[in-house]
Amino acid sequence: MNPARLTAMRSPPTLPECRTASRLHHVVTSAGGPELVNDGVDTAPSKRISAALPRYSKTIDGPLCIQELGLAKLRATCPHLDAWLTELERRVG
């Protein structure tokens, strides 16, 4: 992991970043939740984030976001993800 990139991600958000976060939040709430945003190849969540934040890297920033949020919060917010993880845990259990 690039420490400079991590430091940049943890710096206080700028006004444009706050506006971007607000727009992305609106997309999620309008869809009815984060799991309902993905309604096509061009509108997948990573595509929407990349359009709003051109420096976004799914393979770098995605895992960092998951780490920051934590699986408990993601599971509470995303019932399909929770069911999938529960099934995986049951199988390897």
Protein backbone atom coordinates (compact mmCIF):
# COMPACT_ATOMS: atom_id res chain seq x y z
CA MET A 1 0.00 0.00 0.00
CA ASN A 2 1.26 3.43 -0.88
CA PRO A 3 1.51 5.42 2.41
CA ALA A 4 1.26 8.75 0.56
CA ARG A 5 -2.04 7.67 -0.99
CA LEU A 6 -3.37 6.57 2.39
CA THR A 7 -2.34 9.90 3.93
CA ALA A 8 -4.05 11.77 1.11
CA MET A 9 -7.24 9.80 1.65
CA ARG A 10 -7.26 10.61 5.37
CA SER A 11 -6.76 14.35 4.98
CA PRO A 12 -9.82 16.53 5.70
CA PRO A 13 -12.27 16.57 2.80
CA THR A 14 -12.35 19.55 0.51
CA LEU A 15 -15.60 21.28 -0.46
CA PRO A 16 -15.69 19.51 -3.87
CA GLU A 17 -15.19 16.17 -2.10
CA CYS A 18 -18.08 16.97 0.24
CA ARG A 19 -20.27 17.81 -2.75
CA THR A 20 -19.24 14.56 -4.43
CA ALA A 21 -20.06 12.59 -1.28
CA SER A 22 -23.43 14.32 -1.14
CA ARG A 23 -24.16 13.42 -4.79
CA LEU A 24 -23.15 9.79 -4.25
CA HIS A 25 -25.27 9.63 -1.09
CA HIS A 26 -28.22 10.94 -3.11
CA VAL A 27 -27.68 8.18 -5.71
CA VAL A 28 -27.77 5.54 -2.96
CA THR A 29 -30.85 6.92 -1.21
CA SER A 30 -32.69 7.44 -4.51
CA ALA A 31 -32.04 3.81 -5.46
CA GLY A 32 -33.36 2.59 -2.12
CA GLY A 33 -30.03 1.42 -0.70
CA PRO A 34 -26.48 0.62 -1.73
CA GLU A 35 -27.32 -2.82 -3.10
CA LEU A 36 -29.89 -1.37 -5.50
CA VAL A 37 -27.54 1.10 -7.21
CA ASN A 38 -26.09 -1.44 -9.63
CA ASP A 39 -28.60 -1.35 -12.48
CA GLY A 40 -26.27 -1.73 -15.45
CA VAL A 41 -22.71 -2.04 -16.71
CA ASP A 42 -22.30 1.72 -17.11
CA THR A 43 -23.98 2.54 -13.80
CA ALA A 44 -22.21 0.07 -11.53
CA PRO A 45 -21.15 1.64 -8.23
CA SER A 46 -17.46 1.70 -9.17
CA LYS A 47 -18.29 3.44 -12.46
CA ARG A 48 -20.34 6.09 -10.64
CA ILE A 49 -17.58 6.66 -8.10
CA SER A 50 -14.93 6.87 -10.85
CA ALA A 51 -17.04 9.42 -12.71
CA ALA A 52 -17.36 11.55 -9.58
CA LEU A 53 -13.80 11.00 -8.35
CA PRO A 54 -11.46 10.48 -11.32
CA ARG A 55 -8.54 9.42 -9.07
CA TYR A 56 -10.60 6.60 -7.54
CA SER A 57 -9.02 3.16 -7.88
CA LYS A 58 -11.40 0.29 -7.19
CA THR A 59 -8.58 -2.08 -6.24
CA ILE A 60 -6.86 0.39 -3.90
CA ASP A 61 -9.58 2.65 -2.55
CA GLY A 62 -12.29 -0.02 -2.38
CA PRO A 63 -10.50 -2.20 0.19
CA LEU A 64 -9.45 0.91 2.14
CA CYS A 65 -13.08 2.02 2.30
CA ILE A 66 -14.17 -1.43 3.45
CA GLN A 67 -11.47 -1.38 6.11
CA GLU A 68 -12.55 2.09 7.23
CA LEU A 69 -16.26 1.20 7.38
CA GLY A 70 -15.83 -2.27 8.83
CA LEU A 71 -17.68 -5.44 7.90
CA ALA A 72 -20.23 -5.05 10.71
CA LYS A 73 -21.49 -1.75 9.27
CA LEU A 74 -21.47 -3.11 5.71
CA ARG A 75 -23.38 -6.21 6.77
CA ALA A 76 -25.95 -4.10 8.61
CA THR A 77 -26.42 -1.85 5.57
CA CYS A 78 -26.31 -4.54 2.86
CA PRO A 79 -28.50 -7.58 3.59
CA HIS A 80 -27.46 -9.43 0.40
CA LEU A 81 -23.78 -9.05 1.32
CA ASP A 82 -24.58 -10.23 4.84
CA ALA A 83 -26.40 -13.31 3.50
CA TRP A 84 -23.53 -14.10 1.13
CA LEU A 85 -20.90 -13.76 3.89
CA THR A 86 -23.05 -15.81 6.27
CA GLU A 87 -23.27 -18.60 3.68
CA LEU A 88 -19.49 -18.51 3.13
CA GLU A 89 -18.92 -18.67 6.89
CA ARG A 90 -21.31 -21.61 7.14
CA ARG A 91 -19.50 -23.49 4.39
CA VAL A 92 -16.00 -23.01 5.79
CA GLY A 93 -17.17 -23.09 9.34
